[in-house]
Amino acid sequence: MQTEFDFTLPLGFVDAEGNVHKNGSMRLATAMDEIAPLRDPRVRGNEAYFTIILLSRVIVRLGSLPQVTTHTIENLFTPDLAFLQNFYQQIHEDGQSKFTITCQECQAKMEVDLAHLGEAL
């Protein structure tokens, strides 16, 4: 069973030195990953903060950063945050980062790997 999934952010996290970190890895969440943020006072004050804490728990690698913290997630560009939310949903619904799409015009089917979607942008 695959429990970690690699991804590439569309824009990337820019650290204090100006380095851009785009490639990372996200693990499947545990029940505690989804429960623990509910105890955090930041979530009680702003429910949207749940996503920040959750992603900081399940992203195990982002570029050469020593660790991914809530500060890291807070400072992502909006397209990268949206990408990670979608990526989280995809790997937790299907247990994989790949899905099949159908062309509206010709009905051809194509497999898309969400993990590499950011590379095209």
N, C-alpha and C. Protein backbone atom coordinates (compact mmCIF):
# COMPACT_ATOMS: atom_id res chain seq x y z
N MET A 1 0.84 -1.19 0.00
CA MET A 1 0.00 0.00 0.00
C MET A 1 0.88 1.25 0.00
N GLN A 2 0.61 2.15 -0.91
CA GLN A 2 1.38 3.39 -0.99
C GLN A 2 0.84 4.37 0.05
N THR A 3 1.74 4.93 0.87
CA THR A 3 1.33 5.88 1.90
C THR A 3 1.94 7.26 1.72
N GLU A 4 2.90 7.41 0.82
CA GLU A 4 3.49 8.72 0.52
C GLU A 4 3.40 8.98 -0.97
N PHE A 5 3.13 10.24 -1.30
CA PHE A 5 2.92 10.65 -2.69
C PHE A 5 3.73 11.91 -2.96
N ASP A 6 4.54 11.87 -4.01
CA ASP A 6 5.34 13.03 -4.40
C ASP A 6 4.48 14.02 -5.18
N PHE A 7 4.84 15.28 -5.09
CA PHE A 7 4.13 16.33 -5.82
C PHE A 7 5.10 17.43 -6.23
N THR A 8 4.64 18.26 -7.16
CA THR A 8 5.37 19.45 -7.59
C THR A 8 4.41 20.63 -7.53
N LEU A 9 4.75 21.62 -6.73
CA LEU A 9 3.89 22.80 -6.60
C LEU A 9 3.93 23.63 -7.88
N PRO A 10 2.83 24.29 -8.21
CA PRO A 10 2.81 25.15 -9.41
C PRO A 10 3.80 26.31 -9.32
N LEU A 11 3.91 26.95 -8.15
CA LEU A 11 4.79 28.10 -8.00
C LEU A 11 5.97 27.82 -7.08
N GLY A 12 5.72 27.24 -5.93
CA GLY A 12 6.77 26.90 -4.98
C GLY A 12 6.84 27.85 -3.80
N PHE A 13 7.32 27.32 -2.70
CA PHE A 13 7.51 28.10 -1.48
C PHE A 13 8.84 28.83 -1.57
N VAL A 14 8.83 30.13 -1.29
CA VAL A 14 10.06 30.93 -1.32
C VAL A 14 10.50 31.14 0.12
N ASP A 15 11.70 30.63 0.46
CA ASP A 15 12.19 30.77 1.83
C ASP A 15 12.83 32.14 2.05
N ALA A 16 13.31 32.39 3.25
CA ALA A 16 13.87 33.69 3.62
C ALA A 16 15.09 34.08 2.78
N GLU A 17 15.79 33.10 2.24
CA GLU A 17 16.97 33.37 1.41
C GLU A 17 16.61 33.52 -0.07
N GLY A 18 15.34 33.36 -0.41
CA GLY A 18 14.89 33.48 -1.79
C GLY A 18 14.93 32.17 -2.57
N ASN A 19 15.24 31.06 -1.91
CA ASN A 19 15.24 29.75 -2.57
C ASN A 19 13.80 29.29 -2.78
N VAL A 20 13.54 28.70 -3.94
CA VAL A 20 12.20 28.21 -4.26
C VAL A 20 12.17 26.69 -4.06
N HIS A 21 11.17 26.24 -3.30
CA HIS A 21 11.01 24.81 -3.00
C HIS A 21 9.70 24.35 -3.63
N LYS A 22 9.79 23.51 -4.66
CA LYS A 22 8.59 23.07 -5.39
C LYS A 22 8.27 21.59 -5.21
N ASN A 23 9.28 20.75 -5.09
CA ASN A 23 9.06 19.31 -5.02
C ASN A 23 8.91 18.86 -3.58
N GLY A 24 7.89 18.04 -3.35
CA GLY A 24 7.66 17.57 -1.99
C GLY A 24 7.00 16.22 -1.97
N SER A 25 6.63 15.82 -0.77
CA SER A 25 5.98 14.54 -0.56
C SER A 25 4.94 14.69 0.55
N MET A 26 3.78 14.09 0.32
CA MET A 26 2.70 14.12 1.31
C MET A 26 2.36 12.68 1.67
N ARG A 27 2.17 12.43 2.97
CA ARG A 27 1.77 11.10 3.40
C ARG A 27 0.27 11.08 3.64
N LEU A 28 -0.29 9.88 3.65
CA LEU A 28 -1.69 9.74 3.99
C LEU A 28 -1.90 10.18 5.44
N ALA A 29 -2.99 10.82 5.70
CA ALA A 29 -3.30 11.30 7.04
C ALA A 29 -3.81 10.17 7.92
N THR A 30 -3.53 10.29 9.19
CA THR A 30 -4.09 9.38 10.18
C THR A 30 -5.31 10.06 10.80
N ALA A 31 -6.05 9.31 11.59
CA ALA A 31 -7.19 9.89 12.30
C ALA A 31 -6.71 11.04 13.19
N MET A 32 -5.57 10.86 13.86
CA MET A 32 -5.06 11.92 14.74
C MET A 32 -4.70 13.17 13.97
N ASP A 33 -4.22 13.02 12.73
CA ASP A 33 -3.90 14.20 11.93
C ASP A 33 -5.14 15.07 11.72
N GLU A 34 -6.29 14.45 11.63
CA GLU A 34 -7.53 15.21 11.41
C GLU A 34 -8.19 15.64 12.72
N ILE A 35 -7.88 14.96 13.82
CA ILE A 35 -8.47 15.31 15.11
C ILE A 35 -7.67 16.39 15.83
N ALA A 36 -6.34 16.26 15.82
CA ALA A 36 -5.48 17.18 16.58
C ALA A 36 -5.70 18.66 16.27
N PRO A 37 -5.86 19.04 15.01
CA PRO A 37 -6.06 20.47 14.75
C PRO A 37 -7.32 21.05 15.40
N LEU A 38 -8.32 20.20 15.63
CA LEU A 38 -9.55 20.68 16.26
C LEU A 38 -9.32 21.16 17.68
N ARG A 39 -8.27 20.70 18.31
CA ARG A 39 -7.92 21.12 19.68
C ARG A 39 -7.13 22.42 19.71
N ASP A 40 -6.63 22.83 18.57
CA ASP A 40 -5.76 24.01 18.49
C ASP A 40 -6.59 25.28 18.61
N PRO A 41 -6.20 26.21 19.47
CA PRO A 41 -6.95 27.46 19.62
C PRO A 41 -7.02 28.30 18.35
N ARG A 42 -6.04 28.16 17.45
CA ARG A 42 -6.08 28.91 16.20
C ARG A 42 -7.24 28.45 15.33
N VAL A 43 -7.59 27.18 15.42
CA VAL A 43 -8.73 26.66 14.65
C VAL A 43 -10.04 27.12 15.27
N ARG A 44 -10.08 27.17 16.60
CA ARG A 44 -11.29 27.66 17.27
C ARG A 44 -11.57 29.11 16.91
N GLY A 45 -10.51 29.89 16.72
CA GLY A 45 -10.66 31.29 16.34
C GLY A 45 -10.94 31.50 14.86
N ASN A 46 -10.51 30.53 14.04
CA ASN A 46 -10.68 30.64 12.59
C ASN A 46 -10.66 29.23 12.01
N GLU A 47 -11.81 28.70 11.66
CA GLU A 47 -11.91 27.32 11.17
C GLU A 47 -11.05 27.05 9.95
N ALA A 48 -10.79 28.07 9.15
CA ALA A 48 -9.96 27.89 7.95
C ALA A 48 -8.54 27.48 8.30
N TYR A 49 -8.11 27.75 9.53
CA TYR A 49 -6.75 27.40 9.95
C TYR A 49 -6.56 25.89 10.07
N PHE A 50 -7.66 25.15 10.12
CA PHE A 50 -7.60 23.69 10.16
C PHE A 50 -6.73 23.16 9.02
N THR A 51 -6.94 23.69 7.83
CA THR A 51 -6.19 23.25 6.64
C THR A 51 -4.70 23.50 6.81
N ILE A 52 -4.34 24.64 7.38
CA ILE A 52 -2.93 24.98 7.58
C ILE A 52 -2.26 23.95 8.47
N ILE A 53 -2.91 23.64 9.59
CA ILE A 53 -2.33 22.68 10.53
C ILE A 53 -2.29 21.28 9.92
N LEU A 54 -3.37 20.88 9.29
CA LEU A 54 -3.43 19.55 8.70
C LEU A 54 -2.32 19.35 7.67
N LEU A 55 -2.17 20.30 6.76
CA LEU A 55 -1.13 20.17 5.74
C LEU A 55 0.27 20.17 6.35
N SER A 56 0.48 20.95 7.39
CA SER A 56 1.81 20.97 8.02
C SER A 56 2.13 19.62 8.67
N ARG A 57 1.10 18.86 9.03
CA ARG A 57 1.31 17.54 9.63
C ARG A 57 1.59 16.46 8.59
N VAL A 58 0.97 16.56 7.40
CA VAL A 58 1.06 15.47 6.43
C VAL A 58 2.09 15.69 5.32
N ILE A 59 2.57 16.90 5.15
CA ILE A 59 3.64 17.13 4.16
C ILE A 59 4.95 16.79 4.84
N VAL A 60 5.58 15.74 4.37
CA VAL A 60 6.79 15.24 5.02
C VAL A 60 8.07 15.82 4.42
N ARG A 61 7.94 16.41 3.23
CA ARG A 61 9.13 16.99 2.60
C ARG A 61 8.69 18.09 1.64
N LEU A 62 9.43 19.19 1.65
CA LEU A 62 9.23 20.25 0.67
C LEU A 62 10.59 20.83 0.33
N GLY A 63 11.07 20.49 -0.85
CA GLY A 63 12.40 20.94 -1.27
C GLY A 63 13.45 20.52 -0.28
N SER A 64 14.34 21.45 0.07
CA SER A 64 15.41 21.15 1.02
C SER A 64 15.12 21.69 2.41
N LEU A 65 13.87 22.06 2.67
CA LEU A 65 13.52 22.57 4.00
C LEU A 65 13.72 21.47 5.03
N PRO A 66 14.24 21.82 6.21
CA PRO A 66 14.44 20.81 7.25
C PRO A 66 13.12 20.24 7.78
N GLN A 67 12.07 21.06 7.77
CA GLN A 67 10.74 20.59 8.17
C GLN A 67 9.69 21.54 7.61
N VAL A 68 8.47 21.03 7.50
CA VAL A 68 7.35 21.85 7.04
C VAL A 68 6.52 22.20 8.27
N THR A 69 6.37 23.49 8.50
CA THR A 69 5.65 23.98 9.68
C THR A 69 4.39 24.74 9.25
N THR A 70 3.60 25.15 10.22
CA THR A 70 2.44 25.99 9.89
C THR A 70 2.90 27.29 9.25
N HIS A 71 4.05 27.80 9.67
CA HIS A 71 4.58 29.03 9.07
C HIS A 71 4.84 28.81 7.57
N THR A 72 5.36 27.65 7.22
CA THR A 72 5.61 27.31 5.81
C THR A 72 4.30 27.36 5.03
N ILE A 73 3.28 26.68 5.53
CA ILE A 73 2.00 26.59 4.83
C ILE A 73 1.34 27.97 4.76
N GLU A 74 1.45 28.74 5.82
CA GLU A 74 0.87 30.10 5.84
C GLU A 74 1.46 30.99 4.75
N ASN A 75 2.70 30.72 4.38
CA ASN A 75 3.40 31.59 3.43
C ASN A 75 3.45 31.03 2.01
N LEU A 76 2.65 30.02 1.73
CA LEU A 76 2.53 29.53 0.36
C LEU A 76 1.70 30.51 -0.46
N PHE A 77 1.96 30.56 -1.74
CA PHE A 77 1.10 31.33 -2.62
C PHE A 77 -0.24 30.61 -2.74
N THR A 78 -1.31 31.36 -2.97
CA THR A 78 -2.65 30.79 -3.01
C THR A 78 -2.79 29.63 -4.01
N PRO A 79 -2.22 29.71 -5.22
CA PRO A 79 -2.34 28.56 -6.13
C PRO A 79 -1.69 27.28 -5.56
N ASP A 80 -0.60 27.44 -4.80
CA ASP A 80 0.04 26.27 -4.21
C ASP A 80 -0.82 25.68 -3.09
N LEU A 81 -1.43 26.54 -2.28
CA LEU A 81 -2.32 26.05 -1.23
C LEU A 81 -3.51 25.31 -1.84
N ALA A 82 -4.09 25.86 -2.88
CA ALA A 82 -5.22 25.20 -3.55
C ALA A 82 -4.77 23.86 -4.14
N PHE A 83 -3.59 23.84 -4.74
CA PHE A 83 -3.05 22.59 -5.29
C PHE A 83 -2.94 21.54 -4.19
N LEU A 84 -2.37 21.91 -3.04
CA LEU A 84 -2.18 20.95 -1.95
C LEU A 84 -3.50 20.46 -1.38
N GLN A 85 -4.49 21.34 -1.30
CA GLN A 85 -5.81 20.92 -0.83
C GLN A 85 -6.42 19.89 -1.79
N ASN A 86 -6.32 20.16 -3.08
CA ASN A 86 -6.82 19.22 -4.09
C ASN A 86 -6.04 17.90 -4.06
N PHE A 87 -4.73 18.01 -3.91
CA PHE A 87 -3.88 16.82 -3.87
C PHE A 87 -4.25 15.96 -2.66
N TYR A 88 -4.44 16.60 -1.51
CA TYR A 88 -4.84 15.89 -0.29
C TYR A 88 -6.15 15.13 -0.53
N GLN A 89 -7.12 15.83 -1.11
CA GLN A 89 -8.42 15.19 -1.39
C GLN A 89 -8.25 13.99 -2.31
N GLN A 90 -7.47 14.16 -3.37
CA GLN A 90 -7.30 13.10 -4.36
C GLN A 90 -6.67 11.86 -3.75
N ILE A 91 -5.59 12.01 -3.01
CA ILE A 91 -4.92 10.82 -2.49
C ILE A 91 -5.72 10.16 -1.37
N HIS A 92 -6.58 10.92 -0.70
CA HIS A 92 -7.37 10.33 0.37
C HIS A 92 -8.67 9.71 -0.14
N GLU A 93 -9.17 10.16 -1.26
CA GLU A 93 -10.37 9.56 -1.83
C GLU A 93 -10.05 8.27 -2.55
N ASP A 94 -8.99 8.27 -3.34
CA ASP A 94 -8.66 7.13 -4.17
C ASP A 94 -7.41 6.37 -3.74
N GLY A 95 -6.65 6.93 -2.82
CA GLY A 95 -5.40 6.28 -2.42
C GLY A 95 -4.33 6.38 -3.49
N GLN A 96 -4.51 7.31 -4.42
CA GLN A 96 -3.51 7.51 -5.47
C GLN A 96 -3.60 8.94 -5.98
N SER A 97 -2.58 9.35 -6.69
CA SER A 97 -2.55 10.70 -7.22
C SER A 97 -2.98 10.74 -8.69
N LYS A 98 -3.36 9.59 -9.25
CA LYS A 98 -3.74 9.52 -10.66
C LYS A 98 -5.25 9.37 -10.81
N PHE A 99 -5.78 9.98 -11.86
CA PHE A 99 -7.19 9.80 -12.19
C PHE A 99 -7.36 9.90 -13.69
N THR A 100 -8.49 9.42 -14.18
CA THR A 100 -8.75 9.40 -15.62
C THR A 100 -9.73 10.51 -15.98
N ILE A 101 -9.40 11.24 -17.05
CA ILE A 101 -10.30 12.27 -17.56
C ILE A 101 -10.72 11.88 -18.97
N THR A 102 -11.87 12.39 -19.39
CA THR A 102 -12.39 12.13 -20.73
C THR A 102 -12.52 13.44 -21.48
N CYS A 103 -11.99 13.48 -22.69
CA CYS A 103 -12.09 14.67 -23.53
C CYS A 103 -13.56 14.88 -23.92
N GLN A 104 -14.04 16.09 -23.72
CA GLN A 104 -15.43 16.43 -24.03
C GLN A 104 -15.71 16.33 -25.53
N GLU A 105 -14.71 16.64 -26.35
CA GLU A 105 -14.93 16.67 -27.80
C GLU A 105 -14.82 15.30 -28.46
N CYS A 106 -13.75 14.55 -28.15
CA CYS A 106 -13.52 13.30 -28.87
C CYS A 106 -13.76 12.05 -28.01
N GLN A 107 -14.05 12.25 -26.74
CA GLN A 107 -14.33 11.15 -25.80
C GLN A 107 -13.10 10.27 -25.51
N ALA A 108 -11.92 10.73 -25.91
CA ALA A 108 -10.70 9.99 -25.59
C ALA A 108 -10.43 10.08 -24.09
N LYS A 109 -9.92 9.01 -23.53
CA LYS A 109 -9.60 8.96 -22.11
C LYS A 109 -8.11 9.14 -21.91
N MET A 110 -7.75 9.86 -20.86
CA MET A 110 -6.35 10.12 -20.56
C MET A 110 -6.15 10.04 -19.06
N GLU A 111 -5.06 9.39 -18.65
CA GLU A 111 -4.73 9.33 -17.24
C GLU A 111 -3.87 10.54 -16.90
N VAL A 112 -4.24 11.22 -15.82
CA VAL A 112 -3.52 12.42 -15.37
C VAL A 112 -2.99 12.13 -13.98
N ASP A 113 -1.72 12.46 -13.77
CA ASP A 113 -1.13 12.31 -12.44
C ASP A 113 -1.09 13.68 -11.80
N LEU A 114 -1.94 13.88 -10.81
CA LEU A 114 -2.06 15.16 -10.13
C LEU A 114 -0.74 15.57 -9.50
N ALA A 115 0.09 14.61 -9.14
CA ALA A 115 1.38 14.91 -8.51
C ALA A 115 2.26 15.75 -9.41
N HIS A 116 2.09 15.64 -10.72
CA HIS A 116 2.97 16.36 -11.66
C HIS A 116 2.26 17.51 -12.36
N LEU A 117 1.05 17.81 -11.93
CA LEU A 117 0.30 18.87 -12.56
C LEU A 117 1.00 20.22 -12.45
N GLY A 118 1.65 20.47 -11.33
CA GLY A 118 2.36 21.73 -11.14
C GLY A 118 3.51 21.93 -12.09
N GLU A 119 4.06 20.87 -12.64
CA GLU A 119 5.18 20.97 -13.58
C GLU A 119 4.77 21.63 -14.88
N ALA A 120 3.50 21.53 -15.24
CA ALA A 120 3.04 22.07 -16.52
C ALA A 120 2.82 23.57 -16.45
N LEU A 121 2.73 24.12 -15.26
CA LEU A 121 2.43 25.55 -15.14
C LEU A 121 3.67 26.39 -15.16
